[in-house]
Amino acid sequence: PLAELWRHPLHAREFGSQITNVLRCLQLEASGYEVTVTELVGWEHSMKNELILASRPATPKPGKTRAAQARLQQVLEELGLGELSTRFAVPAELP
């Protein structure tokens, strides 16, 4: 059923763009950052208009970081992208 997401070239391109941004956000969260995603301009002007903002909180939240690490791995596995685990690896010890 998931193959339908990329059966047509247009859908594959848009899905690829979306999942890339999702993985970027999860990688930042898994590295201890707080992440906000916002729209730069309306969709009628540009399909690539996401701004990913990340800031490191003054007080680390290890539970939140570990949860993001687990979600990142789950997304990679569920989409058959396990080979990208090294690309989206997070540091073993966070500052």
PDB file of N, CA and C in Angstrom:
ATOM      1  N   PRO A   1       0.803  -1.218   0.000  1.00  0.00           N
ATOM      2  CA  PRO A   1       0.000   0.000   0.000  1.00  0.00           C
ATOM      3  C   PRO A   1       0.840   1.274   0.000  1.00  0.00           C
ATOM      4  N   LEU A   2       1.975   1.281   0.729  1.00  0.00           N
ATOM      5  CA  LEU A   2       2.809   2.481   0.743  1.00  0.00           C
ATOM      6  C   LEU A   2       3.416   2.773  -0.622  1.00  0.00           C
ATOM      7  N   ALA A   3       3.535   1.758  -1.472  1.00  0.00           N
ATOM      8  CA  ALA A   3       4.100   1.963  -2.806  1.00  0.00           C
ATOM      9  C   ALA A   3       3.292   2.981  -3.604  1.00  0.00           C
ATOM     10  N   GLU A   4       2.034   3.143  -3.275  1.00  0.00           N
ATOM     11  CA  GLU A   4       1.204   4.135  -3.969  1.00  0.00           C
ATOM     12  C   GLU A   4       1.715   5.557  -3.752  1.00  0.00           C
ATOM     13  N   LEU A   5       2.438   5.780  -2.677  1.00  0.00           N
ATOM     14  CA  LEU A   5       2.963   7.117  -2.398  1.00  0.00           C
ATOM     15  C   LEU A   5       3.982   7.558  -3.435  1.00  0.00           C
ATOM     16  N   TRP A   6       4.658   6.614  -4.066  1.00  0.00           N
ATOM     17  CA  TRP A   6       5.671   6.990  -5.047  1.00  0.00           C
ATOM     18  C   TRP A   6       5.484   6.314  -6.402  1.00  0.00           C
ATOM     19  N   ARG A   7       4.284   5.826  -6.685  1.00  0.00           N
ATOM     20  CA  ARG A   7       4.010   5.192  -7.980  1.00  0.00           C
ATOM     21  C   ARG A   7       4.074   6.199  -9.114  1.00  0.00           C
ATOM     22  N   HIS A   8       3.586   7.400  -8.892  1.00  0.00           N
ATOM     23  CA  HIS A   8       3.610   8.445  -9.915  1.00  0.00           C
ATOM     24  C   HIS A   8       4.774   9.394  -9.627  1.00  0.00           C
ATOM     25  N   PRO A   9       5.506   9.806 -10.660  1.00  0.00           N
ATOM     26  CA  PRO A   9       6.684  10.660 -10.449  1.00  0.00           C
ATOM     27  C   PRO A   9       6.411  11.920  -9.624  1.00  0.00           C
ATOM     28  N   LEU A  10       5.301  12.588  -9.867  1.00  0.00           N
ATOM     29  CA  LEU A  10       4.997  13.805  -9.112  1.00  0.00           C
ATOM     30  C   LEU A  10       4.849  13.492  -7.625  1.00  0.00           C
ATOM     31  N   HIS A  11       4.126  12.424  -7.322  1.00  0.00           N
ATOM     32  CA  HIS A  11       3.937  12.044  -5.922  1.00  0.00           C
ATOM     33  C   HIS A  11       5.263  11.624  -5.291  1.00  0.00           C
ATOM     34  N   ALA A  12       6.078  10.886  -6.047  1.00  0.00           N
ATOM     35  CA  ALA A  12       7.375  10.447  -5.525  1.00  0.00           C
ATOM     36  C   ALA A  12       8.247  11.648  -5.180  1.00  0.00           C
ATOM     37  N   ARG A  13       8.254  12.647  -6.064  1.00  0.00           N
ATOM     38  CA  ARG A  13       9.072  13.839  -5.817  1.00  0.00           C
ATOM     39  C   ARG A  13       8.594  14.575  -4.572  1.00  0.00           C
ATOM     40  N   GLU A  14       7.290  14.772  -4.477  1.00  0.00           N
ATOM     41  CA  GLU A  14       6.751  15.500  -3.325  1.00  0.00           C
ATOM     42  C   GLU A  14       6.921  14.702  -2.036  1.00  0.00           C
ATOM     43  N   PHE A  15       6.724  13.386  -2.110  1.00  0.00           N
ATOM     44  CA  PHE A  15       6.913  12.555  -0.926  1.00  0.00           C
ATOM     45  C   PHE A  15       8.372  12.599  -0.487  1.00  0.00           C
ATOM     46  N   GLY A  16       9.279  12.521  -1.453  1.00  0.00           N
ATOM     47  CA  GLY A  16      10.704  12.586  -1.137  1.00  0.00           C
ATOM     48  C   GLY A  16      11.068  13.882  -0.435  1.00  0.00           C
ATOM     49  N   SER A  17      10.503  14.977  -0.912  1.00  0.00           N
ATOM     50  CA  SER A  17      10.757  16.282  -0.301  1.00  0.00           C
ATOM     51  C   SER A  17      10.209  16.322   1.124  1.00  0.00           C
ATOM     52  N   GLN A  18       8.999  15.827   1.304  1.00  0.00           N
ATOM     53  CA  GLN A  18       8.373  15.830   2.630  1.00  0.00           C
ATOM     54  C   GLN A  18       9.134  14.961   3.621  1.00  0.00           C
ATOM     55  N   ILE A  19       9.467  13.737   3.207  1.00  0.00           N
ATOM     56  CA  ILE A  19      10.128  12.830   4.145  1.00  0.00           C
ATOM     57  C   ILE A  19      11.528  13.334   4.491  1.00  0.00           C
ATOM     58  N   THR A  20      12.189  13.985   3.536  1.00  0.00           N
ATOM     59  CA  THR A  20      13.504  14.564   3.824  1.00  0.00           C
ATOM     60  C   THR A  20      13.395  15.605   4.925  1.00  0.00           C
ATOM     61  N   ASN A  21      12.406  16.479   4.838  1.00  0.00           N
ATOM     62  CA  ASN A  21      12.226  17.499   5.875  1.00  0.00           C
ATOM     63  C   ASN A  21      11.820  16.884   7.210  1.00  0.00           C
ATOM     64  N   VAL A  22      10.990  15.855   7.174  1.00  0.00           N
ATOM     65  CA  VAL A  22      10.603  15.163   8.412  1.00  0.00           C
ATOM     66  C   VAL A  22      11.838  14.553   9.072  1.00  0.00           C
ATOM     67  N   LEU A  23      12.691  13.905   8.277  1.00  0.00           N
ATOM     68  CA  LEU A  23      13.905  13.296   8.828  1.00  0.00           C
ATOM     69  C   LEU A  23      14.865  14.356   9.366  1.00  0.00           C
ATOM     70  N   ARG A  24      14.961  15.486   8.691  1.00  0.00           N
ATOM     71  CA  ARG A  24      15.808  16.579   9.189  1.00  0.00           C
ATOM     72  C   ARG A  24      15.322  17.054  10.557  1.00  0.00           C
ATOM     73  N   CYS A  25      14.021  17.229  10.682  1.00  0.00           N
ATOM     74  CA  CYS A  25      13.455  17.680  11.965  1.00  0.00           C
ATOM     75  C   CYS A  25      13.697  16.654  13.061  1.00  0.00           C
ATOM     76  N   LEU A  26      13.453  15.395  12.759  1.00  0.00           N
ATOM     77  CA  LEU A  26      13.677  14.346  13.755  1.00  0.00           C
ATOM     78  C   LEU A  26      15.142  14.259  14.153  1.00  0.00           C
ATOM     79  N   GLN A  27      16.043  14.430  13.187  1.00  0.00           N
ATOM     80  CA  GLN A  27      17.467  14.390  13.508  1.00  0.00           C
ATOM     81  C   GLN A  27      17.837  15.533  14.449  1.00  0.00           C
ATOM     82  N   LEU A  28      17.305  16.708  14.201  1.00  0.00           N
ATOM     83  CA  LEU A  28      17.566  17.844  15.093  1.00  0.00           C
ATOM     84  C   LEU A  28      17.009  17.577  16.491  1.00  0.00           C
ATOM     85  N   GLU A  29      15.762  17.081  16.566  1.00  0.00           N
ATOM     86  CA  GLU A  29      15.156  16.779  17.868  1.00  0.00           C
ATOM     87  C   GLU A  29      15.935  15.682  18.589  1.00  0.00           C
ATOM     88  N   ALA A  30      16.388  14.681  17.828  1.00  0.00           N
ATOM     89  CA  ALA A  30      17.157  13.584  18.412  1.00  0.00           C
ATOM     90  C   ALA A  30      18.533  14.042  18.881  1.00  0.00           C
ATOM     91  N   SER A  31      18.955  15.211  18.425  1.00  0.00           N
ATOM     92  CA  SER A  31      20.230  15.795  18.854  1.00  0.00           C
ATOM     93  C   SER A  31      20.038  16.821  19.962  1.00  0.00           C
ATOM     94  N   GLY A  32      18.816  16.928  20.476  1.00  0.00           N
ATOM     95  CA  GLY A  32      18.560  17.790  21.621  1.00  0.00           C
ATOM     96  C   GLY A  32      17.992  19.159  21.311  1.00  0.00           C
ATOM     97  N   TYR A  33      17.676  19.421  20.063  1.00  0.00           N
ATOM     98  CA  TYR A  33      17.124  20.727  19.695  1.00  0.00           C
ATOM     99  C   TYR A  33      15.601  20.733  19.779  1.00  0.00           C
ATOM    100  N   GLU A  34      15.043  21.905  20.013  1.00  0.00           N
ATOM    101  CA  GLU A  34      13.605  22.115  19.884  1.00  0.00           C
ATOM    102  C   GLU A  34      13.384  22.642  18.472  1.00  0.00           C
ATOM    103  N   VAL A  35      12.406  22.095  17.781  1.00  0.00           N
ATOM    104  CA  VAL A  35      12.221  22.389  16.361  1.00  0.00           C
ATOM    105  C   VAL A  35      10.849  22.985  16.103  1.00  0.00           C
ATOM    106  N   THR A  36      10.840  23.988  15.236  1.00  0.00           N
ATOM    107  CA  THR A  36       9.606  24.590  14.746  1.00  0.00           C
ATOM    108  C   THR A  36       9.695  24.622  13.226  1.00  0.00           C
ATOM    109  N   VAL A  37       8.615  24.258  12.568  1.00  0.00           N
ATOM    110  CA  VAL A  37       8.566  24.324  11.110  1.00  0.00           C
ATOM    111  C   VAL A  37       7.498  25.333  10.735  1.00  0.00           C
ATOM    112  N   THR A  38       7.857  26.220   9.833  1.00  0.00           N
ATOM    113  CA  THR A  38       6.916  27.250   9.424  1.00  0.00           C
ATOM    114  C   THR A  38       6.928  27.400   7.907  1.00  0.00           C
ATOM    115  N   GLU A  39       5.885  27.994   7.391  1.00  0.00           N
ATOM    116  CA  GLU A  39       5.745  28.214   5.956  1.00  0.00           C
ATOM    117  C   GLU A  39       6.297  29.599   5.615  1.00  0.00           C
ATOM    118  N   LEU A  40       7.159  29.646   4.610  1.00  0.00           N
ATOM    119  CA  LEU A  40       7.735  30.928   4.209  1.00  0.00           C
ATOM    120  C   LEU A  40       6.763  31.749   3.367  1.00  0.00           C
ATOM    121  N   VAL A  41       6.230  31.129   2.333  1.00  0.00           N
ATOM    122  CA  VAL A  41       5.261  31.789   1.449  1.00  0.00           C
ATOM    123  C   VAL A  41       4.138  30.807   1.178  1.00  0.00           C
ATOM    124  N   GLY A  42       3.059  31.274   0.608  1.00  0.00           N
ATOM    125  CA  GLY A  42       1.935  30.389   0.308  1.00  0.00           C
ATOM    126  C   GLY A  42       2.291  29.333  -0.725  1.00  0.00           C
ATOM    127  N   TRP A  43       1.600  28.197  -0.681  1.00  0.00           N
ATOM    128  CA  TRP A  43       1.848  27.098  -1.619  1.00  0.00           C
ATOM    129  C   TRP A  43       1.650  27.525  -3.067  1.00  0.00           C
ATOM    130  N   GLU A  44       0.829  28.531  -3.295  1.00  0.00           N
ATOM    131  CA  GLU A  44       0.604  28.962  -4.675  1.00  0.00           C
ATOM    132  C   GLU A  44       1.852  29.594  -5.287  1.00  0.00           C
ATOM    133  N   HIS A  45       2.822  29.992  -4.461  1.00  0.00           N
ATOM    134  CA  HIS A  45       4.041  30.627  -4.954  1.00  0.00           C
ATOM    135  C   HIS A  45       5.217  29.662  -5.047  1.00  0.00           C
ATOM    136  N   SER A  46       5.270  28.683  -4.162  1.00  0.00           N
ATOM    137  CA  SER A  46       6.411  27.773  -4.140  1.00  0.00           C
ATOM    138  C   SER A  46       6.050  26.499  -3.391  1.00  0.00           C
ATOM    139  N   MET A  47       6.465  25.351  -3.947  1.00  0.00           N
ATOM    140  CA  MET A  47       6.244  24.078  -3.266  1.00  0.00           C
ATOM    141  C   MET A  47       7.313  23.844  -2.187  1.00  0.00           C
ATOM    142  N   LYS A  48       8.454  24.471  -2.343  1.00  0.00           N
ATOM    143  CA  LYS A  48       9.550  24.280  -1.391  1.00  0.00           C
ATOM    144  C   LYS A  48       9.646  25.527  -0.534  1.00  0.00           C
ATOM    145  N   ASN A  49       8.830  25.582   0.477  1.00  0.00           N
ATOM    146  CA  ASN A  49       8.739  26.812   1.254  1.00  0.00           C
ATOM    147  C   ASN A  49       8.766  26.583   2.759  1.00  0.00           C
ATOM    148  N   GLU A  50       9.379  25.508   3.203  1.00  0.00           N
ATOM    149  CA  GLU A  50       9.448  25.238   4.639  1.00  0.00           C
ATOM    150  C   GLU A  50      10.702  25.857   5.238  1.00  0.00           C
ATOM    151  N   LEU A  51      10.536  26.444   6.390  1.00  0.00           N
ATOM    152  CA  LEU A  51      11.661  26.949   7.161  1.00  0.00           C
ATOM    153  C   LEU A  51      11.714  26.131   8.442  1.00  0.00           C
ATOM    154  N   ILE A  52      12.817  25.438   8.638  1.00  0.00           N
ATOM    155  CA  ILE A  52      13.009  24.627   9.836  1.00  0.00           C
ATOM    156  C   ILE A  52      13.878  25.431  10.796  1.00  0.00           C
ATOM    157  N   LEU A  53      13.317  25.758  11.943  1.00  0.00           N
ATOM    158  CA  LEU A  53      14.035  26.522  12.967  1.00  0.00           C
ATOM    159  C   LEU A  53      14.359  25.591  14.128  1.00  0.00           C
ATOM    160  N   ALA A  54      15.606  25.625  14.574  1.00  0.00           N
ATOM    161  CA  ALA A  54      16.020  24.775  15.693  1.00  0.00           C
ATOM    162  C   ALA A  54      16.766  25.614  16.719  1.00  0.00           C
ATOM    163  N   SER A  55      16.464  25.369  17.979  1.00  0.00           N
ATOM    164  CA  SER A  55      17.175  26.055  19.058  1.00  0.00           C
ATOM    165  C   SER A  55      17.456  25.045  20.164  1.00  0.00           C
ATOM    166  N   ARG A  56      18.602  25.218  20.786  1.00  0.00           N
ATOM    167  CA  ARG A  56      18.958  24.315  21.875  1.00  0.00           C
ATOM    168  C   ARG A  56      18.382  24.877  23.167  1.00  0.00           C
ATOM    169  N   PRO A  57      17.573  24.085  23.869  1.00  0.00           N
ATOM    170  CA  PRO A  57      16.988  24.576  25.123  1.00  0.00           C
ATOM    171  C   PRO A  57      18.056  24.762  26.202  1.00  0.00           C
ATOM    172  N   ALA A  58      17.809  25.693  27.104  1.00  0.00           N
ATOM    173  CA  ALA A  58      18.752  25.952  28.202  1.00  0.00           C
ATOM    174  C   ALA A  58      18.904  24.721  29.089  1.00  0.00           C
ATOM    175  N   THR A  59      17.812  24.011  29.285  1.00  0.00           N
ATOM    176  CA  THR A  59      17.834  22.796  30.095  1.00  0.00           C
ATOM    177  C   THR A  59      17.595  21.595  29.183  1.00  0.00           C
ATOM    178  N   PRO A  60      18.576  20.687  29.058  1.00  0.00           N
ATOM    179  CA  PRO A  60      18.391  19.507  28.209  1.00  0.00           C
ATOM    180  C   PRO A  60      17.206  18.660  28.671  1.00  0.00           C
ATOM    181  N   LYS A  61      16.564  18.022  27.720  1.00  0.00           N
ATOM    182  CA  LYS A  61      15.420  17.147  28.010  1.00  0.00           C
ATOM    183  C   LYS A  61      15.729  15.757  27.453  1.00  0.00           C
ATOM    184  N   PRO A  62      16.483  14.945  28.216  1.00  0.00           N
ATOM    185  CA  PRO A  62      16.927  13.648  27.715  1.00  0.00           C
ATOM    186  C   PRO A  62      15.787  12.721  27.297  1.00  0.00           C
ATOM    187  N   GLY A  63      14.678  12.736  28.020  1.00  0.00           N
ATOM    188  CA  GLY A  63      13.551  11.873  27.660  1.00  0.00           C
ATOM    189  C   GLY A  63      12.988  12.223  26.296  1.00  0.00           C
ATOM    190  N   LYS A  64      12.860  13.504  26.037  1.00  0.00           N
ATOM    191  CA  LYS A  64      12.345  13.977  24.752  1.00  0.00           C
ATOM    192  C   LYS A  64      13.326  13.634  23.623  1.00  0.00           C
ATOM    193  N   THR A  65      14.610  13.765  23.925  1.00  0.00           N
ATOM    194  CA  THR A  65      15.645  13.451  22.940  1.00  0.00           C
ATOM    195  C   THR A  65      15.634  11.965  22.599  1.00  0.00           C
ATOM    196  N   ARG A  66      15.555  11.108  23.619  1.00  0.00           N
ATOM    197  CA  ARG A  66      15.515   9.660  23.372  1.00  0.00           C
ATOM    198  C   ARG A  66      14.268   9.269  22.585  1.00  0.00           C
ATOM    199  N   ALA A  67      13.142   9.897  22.883  1.00  0.00           N
ATOM    200  CA  ALA A  67      11.905   9.599  22.155  1.00  0.00           C
ATOM    201  C   ALA A  67      12.053   9.974  20.683  1.00  0.00           C
ATOM    202  N   ALA A  68      12.691  11.108  20.410  1.00  0.00           N
ATOM    203  CA  ALA A  68      12.904  11.530  19.020  1.00  0.00           C
ATOM    204  C   ALA A  68      13.857  10.574  18.311  1.00  0.00           C
ATOM    205  N   GLN A  69      14.878  10.093  19.020  1.00  0.00           N
ATOM    206  CA  GLN A  69      15.801   9.122  18.431  1.00  0.00           C
ATOM    207  C   GLN A  69      15.051   7.853  18.030  1.00  0.00           C
ATOM    208  N   ALA A  70      14.159   7.397  18.898  1.00  0.00           N
ATOM    209  CA  ALA A  70      13.375   6.194  18.609  1.00  0.00           C
ATOM    210  C   ALA A  70      12.439   6.430  17.427  1.00  0.00           C
ATOM    211  N   ARG A  71      11.777   7.593  17.392  1.00  0.00           N
ATOM    212  CA  ARG A  71      10.871   7.903  16.275  1.00  0.00           C
ATOM    213  C   ARG A  71      11.633   7.983  14.955  1.00  0.00           C
ATOM    214  N   LEU A  72      12.818   8.556  14.986  1.00  0.00           N
ATOM    215  CA  LEU A  72      13.643   8.655  13.782  1.00  0.00           C
ATOM    216  C   LEU A  72      13.946   7.265  13.241  1.00  0.00           C
ATOM    217  N   GLN A  73      14.370   6.360  14.100  1.00  0.00           N
ATOM    218  CA  GLN A  73      14.666   4.997  13.662  1.00  0.00           C
ATOM    219  C   GLN A  73      13.411   4.288  13.159  1.00  0.00           C
ATOM    220  N   GLN A  74      12.283   4.510  13.817  1.00  0.00           N
ATOM    221  CA  GLN A  74      11.029   3.888  13.383  1.00  0.00           C
ATOM    222  C   GLN A  74      10.638   4.350  11.986  1.00  0.00           C
ATOM    223  N   VAL A  75      10.748   5.640  11.727  1.00  0.00           N
ATOM    224  CA  VAL A  75      10.394   6.171  10.406  1.00  0.00           C
ATOM    225  C   VAL A  75      11.302   5.561   9.345  1.00  0.00           C
ATOM    226  N   LEU A  76      12.604   5.529   9.610  1.00  0.00           N
ATOM    227  CA  LEU A  76      13.538   4.949   8.646  1.00  0.00           C
ATOM    228  C   LEU A  76      13.201   3.486   8.365  1.00  0.00           C
ATOM    229  N   GLU A  77      12.927   2.721   9.415  1.00  0.00           N
ATOM    230  CA  GLU A  77      12.612   1.299   9.246  1.00  0.00           C
ATOM    231  C   GLU A  77      11.283   1.097   8.519  1.00  0.00           C
ATOM    232  N   GLU A  78      10.256   1.835   8.914  1.00  0.00           N
ATOM    233  CA  GLU A  78       8.932   1.658   8.312  1.00  0.00           C
ATOM    234  C   GLU A  78       8.922   1.991   6.828  1.00  0.00           C
ATOM    235  N   LEU A  79       9.783   2.900   6.408  1.00  0.00           N
ATOM    236  CA  LEU A  79       9.823   3.289   5.001  1.00  0.00           C
ATOM    237  C   LEU A  79      10.889   2.529   4.220  1.00  0.00           C
ATOM    238  N   GLY A  80      11.514   1.542   4.864  1.00  0.00           N
ATOM    239  CA  GLY A  80      12.535   0.758   4.180  1.00  0.00           C
ATOM    240  C   GLY A  80      13.801   1.555   3.906  1.00  0.00           C
ATOM    241  N   LEU A  81      14.095   2.515   4.767  1.00  0.00           N
ATOM    242  CA  LEU A  81      15.260   3.381   4.588  1.00  0.00           C
ATOM    243  C   LEU A  81      16.327   3.120   5.649  1.00  0.00           C
ATOM    244  N   GLY A  82      16.355   1.905   6.157  1.00  0.00           N
ATOM    245  CA  GLY A  82      17.304   1.567   7.211  1.00  0.00           C
ATOM    246  C   GLY A  82      18.748   1.851   6.847  1.00  0.00           C
ATOM    247  N   GLU A  83      19.077   1.762   5.544  1.00  0.00           N
ATOM    248  CA  GLU A  83      20.456   2.029   5.123  1.00  0.00           C
ATOM    249  C   GLU A  83      20.860   3.491   5.346  1.00  0.00           C
ATOM    250  N   LEU A  84      19.878   4.360   5.591  1.00  0.00           N
ATOM    251  CA  LEU A  84      20.171   5.769   5.869  1.00  0.00           C
ATOM    252  C   LEU A  84      20.408   6.035   7.358  1.00  0.00           C
ATOM    253  N   SER A  85      20.381   4.988   8.163  1.00  0.00           N
ATOM    254  CA  SER A  85      20.576   5.165   9.608  1.00  0.00           C
ATOM    255  C   SER A  85      21.891   5.860   9.924  1.00  0.00           C
ATOM    256  N   THR A  86      22.951   5.549   9.166  1.00  0.00           N
ATOM    257  CA  THR A  86      24.228   6.213   9.425  1.00  0.00           C
ATOM    258  C   THR A  86      24.175   7.676   9.000  1.00  0.00           C
ATOM    259  N   ARG A  87      23.441   7.979   7.944  1.00  0.00           N
ATOM    260  CA  ARG A  87      23.306   9.371   7.487  1.00  0.00           C
ATOM    261  C   ARG A  87      22.571  10.219   8.521  1.00  0.00           C
ATOM    262  N   PHE A  88      21.597   9.627   9.180  1.00  0.00           N
ATOM    263  CA  PHE A  88      20.796  10.353  10.160  1.00  0.00           C
ATOM    264  C   PHE A  88      21.176   9.974  11.591  1.00  0.00           C
ATOM    265  N   ALA A  89      22.401   9.491  11.763  1.00  0.00           N
ATOM    266  CA  ALA A  89      22.874   9.123  13.100  1.00  0.00           C
ATOM    267  C   ALA A  89      23.002  10.371  13.968  1.00  0.00           C
ATOM    268  N   VAL A  90      22.788  10.188  15.247  1.00  0.00           N
ATOM    269  CA  VAL A  90      22.933  11.292  16.205  1.00  0.00           C
ATOM    270  C   VAL A  90      24.093  10.957  17.137  1.00  0.00           C
ATOM    271  N   PRO A  91      24.729  11.975  17.707  1.00  0.00           N
ATOM    272  CA  PRO A  91      25.855  11.714  18.607  1.00  0.00           C
ATOM    273  C   PRO A  91      25.439  10.843  19.790  1.00  0.00           C
ATOM    274  N   ALA A  92      26.338   9.956  20.195  1.00  0.00           N
ATOM    275  CA  ALA A  92      26.053   9.088  21.344  1.00  0.00           C
ATOM    276  C   ALA A  92      25.890   9.909  22.616  1.00  0.00           C
ATOM    277  N   GLU A  93      26.731  10.912  22.768  1.00  0.00           N
ATOM    278  CA  GLU A  93      26.638  11.788  23.940  1.00  0.00           C
ATOM    279  C   GLU A  93      26.313  13.188  23.471  1.00  0.00           C
ATOM    280  N   LEU A  94      25.272  13.733  24.026  1.00  0.00           N
ATOM    281  CA  LEU A  94      24.854  15.078  23.655  1.00  0.00           C
ATOM    282  C   LEU A  94      25.351  16.073  24.687  1.00  0.00           C
ATOM    283  N   PRO A  95      25.691  17.286  24.215  1.00  0.00           N
ATOM    284  CA  PRO A  95      26.148  18.312  25.163  1.00  0.00           C
ATOM    285  C   PRO A  95      25.065  18.729  26.124  1.00  0.00           C
TER     286      PRO A  95
END
